[in-house]
Amino acid sequence: MAETAAVEIEALEQEGDIAADYIEGLLDIADYDGDIDLDVEGERAMVSVVGEDLDELVGKRGEVLEALQELTRLAVHRQTGNRTRLMLDVGGYRERRREELSKLGRDVCEEAKRDGKAKPLAPMTPFERKIVHDAIAAAGLRSESEGEEPERYVVVYPS
């Protein structure tokens, strides 16, 4: 069992290395300075670009970051032949967004408990919806995703 886990971690580390090489190439082409940090968190490789003046690589509401993540996943898939759940962060955007969305989930739970009504939220990416669902579950309420991408959103139910 431990051997299987070691093999899985090694595969995730390989994904991270491939992704880091790909991102370094993109940073060089676009003439951005950034350091790349690699980690394995749960069952996914985590690649973070750390540096100053990286806002253009995040874009409005993380749109550029989402696109870069998909391109990076494709680059990893092309080399490994396997789909990847790799997560890319730039300039700490995802970590800040995770904190904001967790707070949003807690706040909307209090609101739903207070007035007893279902609360629909604004459309979100799958990454964002998962964070909100987790915060709502931790607060003891139920939530569901509704709608079609890219307009899919979370609804929080009071009980």
C-alpha atoms as a PDB file:
ATOM      1  CA  MET A   1       0.000   0.000   0.000  1.00  0.00           C
ATOM      2  CA  ALA A   2       2.785   2.445   0.911  1.00  0.00           C
ATOM      3  CA  GLU A   3       4.521   1.539  -2.339  1.00  0.00           C
ATOM      4  CA  THR A   4       1.398   2.501  -4.328  1.00  0.00           C
ATOM      5  CA  ALA A   5       1.211   5.855  -2.524  1.00  0.00           C
ATOM      6  CA  ALA A   6       4.892   6.502  -3.256  1.00  0.00           C
ATOM      7  CA  VAL A   7       4.329   5.761  -6.950  1.00  0.00           C
ATOM      8  CA  GLU A   8       1.320   8.124  -7.021  1.00  0.00           C
ATOM      9  CA  ILE A   9       3.297  10.907  -5.326  1.00  0.00           C
ATOM     10  CA  GLU A  10       6.164  10.361  -7.760  1.00  0.00           C
ATOM     11  CA  ALA A  11       3.709  10.646 -10.694  1.00  0.00           C
ATOM     12  CA  LEU A  12       2.282  13.874  -9.263  1.00  0.00           C
ATOM     13  CA  GLU A  13       5.780  15.256  -8.764  1.00  0.00           C
ATOM     14  CA  GLN A  14       6.539  14.410 -12.395  1.00  0.00           C
ATOM     15  CA  GLU A  15       3.389  16.291 -13.450  1.00  0.00           C
ATOM     16  CA  GLY A  16       4.581  19.266 -11.407  1.00  0.00           C
ATOM     17  CA  ASP A  17       8.017  19.173 -13.034  1.00  0.00           C
ATOM     18  CA  ILE A  18       6.527  19.053 -16.537  1.00  0.00           C
ATOM     19  CA  ALA A  19       4.137  21.892 -15.668  1.00  0.00           C
ATOM     20  CA  ALA A  20       6.971  23.972 -14.167  1.00  0.00           C
ATOM     21  CA  ASP A  21       9.044  23.591 -17.334  1.00  0.00           C
ATOM     22  CA  TYR A  22       6.048  24.596 -19.453  1.00  0.00           C
ATOM     23  CA  ILE A  23       5.246  27.631 -17.274  1.00  0.00           C
ATOM     24  CA  GLU A  24       8.910  28.711 -17.232  1.00  0.00           C
ATOM     25  CA  GLY A  25       8.858  28.680 -21.019  1.00  0.00           C
ATOM     26  CA  LEU A  26       5.716  30.813 -21.090  1.00  0.00           C
ATOM     27  CA  LEU A  27       7.175  33.262 -18.574  1.00  0.00           C
ATOM     28  CA  ASP A  28      10.323  33.607 -20.693  1.00  0.00           C
ATOM     29  CA  ILE A  29       8.333  34.189 -23.893  1.00  0.00           C
ATOM     30  CA  ALA A  30       6.085  36.768 -22.213  1.00  0.00           C
ATOM     31  CA  ASP A  31       9.061  38.355 -20.400  1.00  0.00           C
ATOM     32  CA  TYR A  32       7.673  37.914 -16.860  1.00  0.00           C
ATOM     33  CA  ASP A  33       9.811  37.298 -13.809  1.00  0.00           C
ATOM     34  CA  GLY A  34       8.561  34.693 -11.399  1.00  0.00           C
ATOM     35  CA  ASP A  35       9.748  31.854  -9.219  1.00  0.00           C
ATOM     36  CA  ILE A  36       7.982  28.523  -9.433  1.00  0.00           C
ATOM     37  CA  ASP A  37       7.062  26.508  -6.362  1.00  0.00           C
ATOM     38  CA  LEU A  38       5.988  22.874  -6.637  1.00  0.00           C
ATOM     39  CA  ASP A  39       3.988  20.865  -4.137  1.00  0.00           C
ATOM     40  CA  VAL A  40       1.681  17.869  -3.933  1.00  0.00           C
ATOM     41  CA  GLU A  41      -1.545  18.511  -2.060  1.00  0.00           C
ATOM     42  CA  GLY A  42      -3.973  15.649  -1.670  1.00  0.00           C
ATOM     43  CA  GLU A  43      -4.254  13.969  -5.037  1.00  0.00           C
ATOM     44  CA  ARG A  44      -3.018  16.817  -7.209  1.00  0.00           C
ATOM     45  CA  ALA A  45       0.167  18.580  -8.165  1.00  0.00           C
ATOM     46  CA  MET A  46       0.254  22.232  -7.173  1.00  0.00           C
ATOM     47  CA  VAL A  47       2.323  24.709  -9.186  1.00  0.00           C
ATOM     48  CA  SER A  48       2.605  28.303  -7.991  1.00  0.00           C
ATOM     49  CA  VAL A  49       4.197  31.228  -9.767  1.00  0.00           C
ATOM     50  CA  VAL A  50       5.437  33.736  -7.213  1.00  0.00           C
ATOM     51  CA  GLY A  51       6.603  37.221  -8.051  1.00  0.00           C
ATOM     52  CA  GLU A  52       5.735  40.857  -8.603  1.00  0.00           C
ATOM     53  CA  ASP A  53       3.572  42.308 -11.377  1.00  0.00           C
ATOM     54  CA  LEU A  54       1.833  39.055 -12.343  1.00  0.00           C
ATOM     55  CA  ASP A  55      -1.718  40.467 -12.411  1.00  0.00           C
ATOM     56  CA  GLU A  56      -1.939  40.167 -16.213  1.00  0.00           C
ATOM     57  CA  LEU A  57      -1.356  36.409 -15.838  1.00  0.00           C
ATOM     58  CA  VAL A  58      -4.367  36.219 -13.524  1.00  0.00           C
ATOM     59  CA  GLY A  59      -6.722  38.421 -15.528  1.00  0.00           C
ATOM     60  CA  LYS A  60     -10.203  39.583 -14.653  1.00  0.00           C
ATOM     61  CA  ARG A  61     -11.747  37.153 -12.129  1.00  0.00           C
ATOM     62  CA  GLY A  62      -8.928  34.684 -12.813  1.00  0.00           C
ATOM     63  CA  GLU A  63      -9.876  34.121 -16.456  1.00  0.00           C
ATOM     64  CA  VAL A  64      -6.300  34.217 -17.774  1.00  0.00           C
ATOM     65  CA  LEU A  65      -5.169  31.969 -14.916  1.00  0.00           C
ATOM     66  CA  GLU A  66      -7.878  29.419 -15.792  1.00  0.00           C
ATOM     67  CA  ALA A  67      -6.731  29.433 -19.423  1.00  0.00           C
ATOM     68  CA  LEU A  68      -3.072  29.030 -18.407  1.00  0.00           C
ATOM     69  CA  GLN A  69      -4.035  26.157 -16.129  1.00  0.00           C
ATOM     70  CA  GLU A  70      -5.835  24.371 -18.973  1.00  0.00           C
ATOM     71  CA  LEU A  71      -2.891  24.892 -21.337  1.00  0.00           C
ATOM     72  CA  THR A  72      -0.536  23.576 -18.665  1.00  0.00           C
ATOM     73  CA  ARG A  73      -2.757  20.538 -18.095  1.00  0.00           C
ATOM     74  CA  LEU A  74      -2.701  19.878 -21.838  1.00  0.00           C
ATOM     75  CA  ALA A  75       1.104  20.108 -21.879  1.00  0.00           C
ATOM     76  CA  VAL A  76       1.306  17.590 -19.014  1.00  0.00           C
ATOM     77  CA  HIS A  77      -1.204  15.293 -20.720  1.00  0.00           C
ATOM     78  CA  ARG A  78       0.749  15.453 -23.940  1.00  0.00           C
ATOM     79  CA  GLN A  79       3.924  14.241 -22.202  1.00  0.00           C
ATOM     80  CA  THR A  80       2.423  11.719 -19.780  1.00  0.00           C
ATOM     81  CA  GLY A  81      -0.589  10.487 -21.727  1.00  0.00           C
ATOM     82  CA  ASN A  82      -2.649  10.881 -18.549  1.00  0.00           C
ATOM     83  CA  ARG A  83      -5.253  13.449 -17.569  1.00  0.00           C
ATOM     84  CA  THR A  84      -4.112  15.660 -14.736  1.00  0.00           C
ATOM     85  CA  ARG A  85      -5.902  17.551 -11.980  1.00  0.00           C
ATOM     86  CA  LEU A  86      -2.935  19.888 -11.612  1.00  0.00           C
ATOM     87  CA  MET A  87      -3.712  23.222  -9.954  1.00  0.00           C
ATOM     88  CA  LEU A  88      -1.910  26.377 -11.068  1.00  0.00           C
ATOM     89  CA  ASP A  89      -1.743  29.526  -8.959  1.00  0.00           C
ATOM     90  CA  VAL A  90      -0.220  32.857  -9.920  1.00  0.00           C
ATOM     91  CA  GLY A  91       0.704  35.547  -7.444  1.00  0.00           C
ATOM     92  CA  GLY A  92      -1.301  33.877  -4.657  1.00  0.00           C
ATOM     93  CA  TYR A  93      -4.603  34.584  -6.443  1.00  0.00           C
ATOM     94  CA  ARG A  94      -6.168  31.185  -5.741  1.00  0.00           C
ATOM     95  CA  GLU A  95      -5.234  31.279  -2.060  1.00  0.00           C
ATOM     96  CA  ARG A  96      -6.739  34.767  -1.639  1.00  0.00           C
ATOM     97  CA  ARG A  97      -9.818  33.682  -3.598  1.00  0.00           C
ATOM     98  CA  ARG A  98     -10.157  30.553  -1.430  1.00  0.00           C
ATOM     99  CA  GLU A  99     -10.275  32.742   1.706  1.00  0.00           C
ATOM    100  CA  GLU A 100     -12.811  35.141   0.152  1.00  0.00           C
ATOM    101  CA  LEU A 101     -15.073  32.309  -0.998  1.00  0.00           C
ATOM    102  CA  SER A 102     -14.907  30.486   2.326  1.00  0.00           C
ATOM    103  CA  LYS A 103     -16.021  33.690   4.029  1.00  0.00           C
ATOM    104  CA  LEU A 104     -18.775  34.143   1.432  1.00  0.00           C
ATOM    105  CA  GLY A 105     -19.982  30.590   2.116  1.00  0.00           C
ATOM    106  CA  ARG A 106     -20.075  31.189   5.875  1.00  0.00           C
ATOM    107  CA  ASP A 107     -21.812  34.557   5.470  1.00  0.00           C
ATOM    108  CA  VAL A 108     -24.501  33.253   3.125  1.00  0.00           C
ATOM    109  CA  CYS A 109     -25.133  30.340   5.508  1.00  0.00           C
ATOM    110  CA  GLU A 110     -25.858  32.798   8.317  1.00  0.00           C
ATOM    111  CA  GLU A 111     -28.170  34.731   6.005  1.00  0.00           C
ATOM    112  CA  ALA A 112     -30.023  31.572   4.915  1.00  0.00           C
ATOM    113  CA  LYS A 113     -30.406  30.424   8.528  1.00  0.00           C
ATOM    114  CA  ARG A 114     -31.649  33.878   9.562  1.00  0.00           C
ATOM    115  CA  ASP A 115     -34.362  34.311   6.919  1.00  0.00           C
ATOM    116  CA  GLY A 116     -35.042  30.648   6.031  1.00  0.00           C
ATOM    117  CA  LYS A 117     -34.808  31.194   2.255  1.00  0.00           C
ATOM    118  CA  ALA A 118     -32.632  29.571  -0.414  1.00  0.00           C
ATOM    119  CA  LYS A 119     -29.792  31.841  -1.509  1.00  0.00           C
ATOM    120  CA  PRO A 120     -28.493  31.691  -5.093  1.00  0.00           C
ATOM    121  CA  LEU A 121     -24.975  33.032  -5.606  1.00  0.00           C
ATOM    122  CA  ALA A 122     -23.302  34.544  -8.666  1.00  0.00           C
ATOM    123  CA  PRO A 123     -21.886  32.207 -11.347  1.00  0.00           C
ATOM    124  CA  MET A 124     -18.521  30.679 -10.446  1.00  0.00           C
ATOM    125  CA  THR A 125     -15.852  28.413 -11.844  1.00  0.00           C
ATOM    126  CA  PRO A 126     -15.767  24.765 -10.687  1.00  0.00           C
ATOM    127  CA  PHE A 127     -12.804  25.619  -8.399  1.00  0.00           C
ATOM    128  CA  GLU A 128     -14.778  28.431  -6.779  1.00  0.00           C
ATOM    129  CA  ARG A 129     -17.981  26.399  -6.412  1.00  0.00           C
ATOM    130  CA  LYS A 130     -16.121  23.587  -4.650  1.00  0.00           C
ATOM    131  CA  ILE A 131     -14.720  25.979  -2.063  1.00  0.00           C
ATOM    132  CA  VAL A 132     -18.164  27.448  -1.413  1.00  0.00           C
ATOM    133  CA  HIS A 133     -19.778  23.981  -1.195  1.00  0.00           C
ATOM    134  CA  ASP A 134     -17.109  22.928   1.327  1.00  0.00           C
ATOM    135  CA  ALA A 135     -17.679  26.035   3.481  1.00  0.00           C
ATOM    136  CA  ILE A 136     -21.442  25.512   3.417  1.00  0.00           C
ATOM    137  CA  ALA A 137     -21.130  21.840   4.355  1.00  0.00           C
ATOM    138  CA  ALA A 138     -18.798  22.790   7.215  1.00  0.00           C
ATOM    139  CA  ALA A 139     -21.472  25.211   8.447  1.00  0.00           C
ATOM    140  CA  GLY A 140     -24.015  22.372   8.433  1.00  0.00           C
ATOM    141  CA  LEU A 141     -26.179  23.494   5.520  1.00  0.00           C
ATOM    142  CA  ARG A 142     -26.878  22.009   2.104  1.00  0.00           C
ATOM    143  CA  SER A 143     -25.974  23.475  -1.289  1.00  0.00           C
ATOM    144  CA  GLU A 144     -26.305  22.494  -4.920  1.00  0.00           C
ATOM    145  CA  SER A 145     -24.863  23.731  -8.190  1.00  0.00           C
ATOM    146  CA  GLU A 146     -27.405  24.775 -10.804  1.00  0.00           C
ATOM    147  CA  GLY A 147     -27.285  26.127 -14.338  1.00  0.00           C
ATOM    148  CA  GLU A 148     -24.975  25.444 -17.251  1.00  0.00           C
ATOM    149  CA  GLU A 149     -21.324  26.421 -17.651  1.00  0.00           C
ATOM    150  CA  PRO A 150     -20.127  29.140 -17.700  1.00  0.00           C
ATOM    151  CA  GLU A 151     -23.171  30.444 -15.797  1.00  0.00           C
ATOM    152  CA  ARG A 152     -23.237  27.609 -13.242  1.00  0.00           C
ATOM    153  CA  TYR A 153     -23.847  28.834  -9.696  1.00  0.00           C
ATOM    154  CA  VAL A 154     -24.345  27.635  -6.115  1.00  0.00           C
ATOM    155  CA  VAL A 155     -27.656  27.701  -4.275  1.00  0.00           C
ATOM    156  CA  VAL A 156     -27.550  27.526  -0.469  1.00  0.00           C
ATOM    157  CA  TYR A 157     -30.529  25.940   1.289  1.00  0.00           C
ATOM    158  CA  PRO A 158     -31.467  26.872   4.861  1.00  0.00           C
ATOM    159  CA  SER A 159     -31.907  23.273   6.034  1.00  0.00           C
END
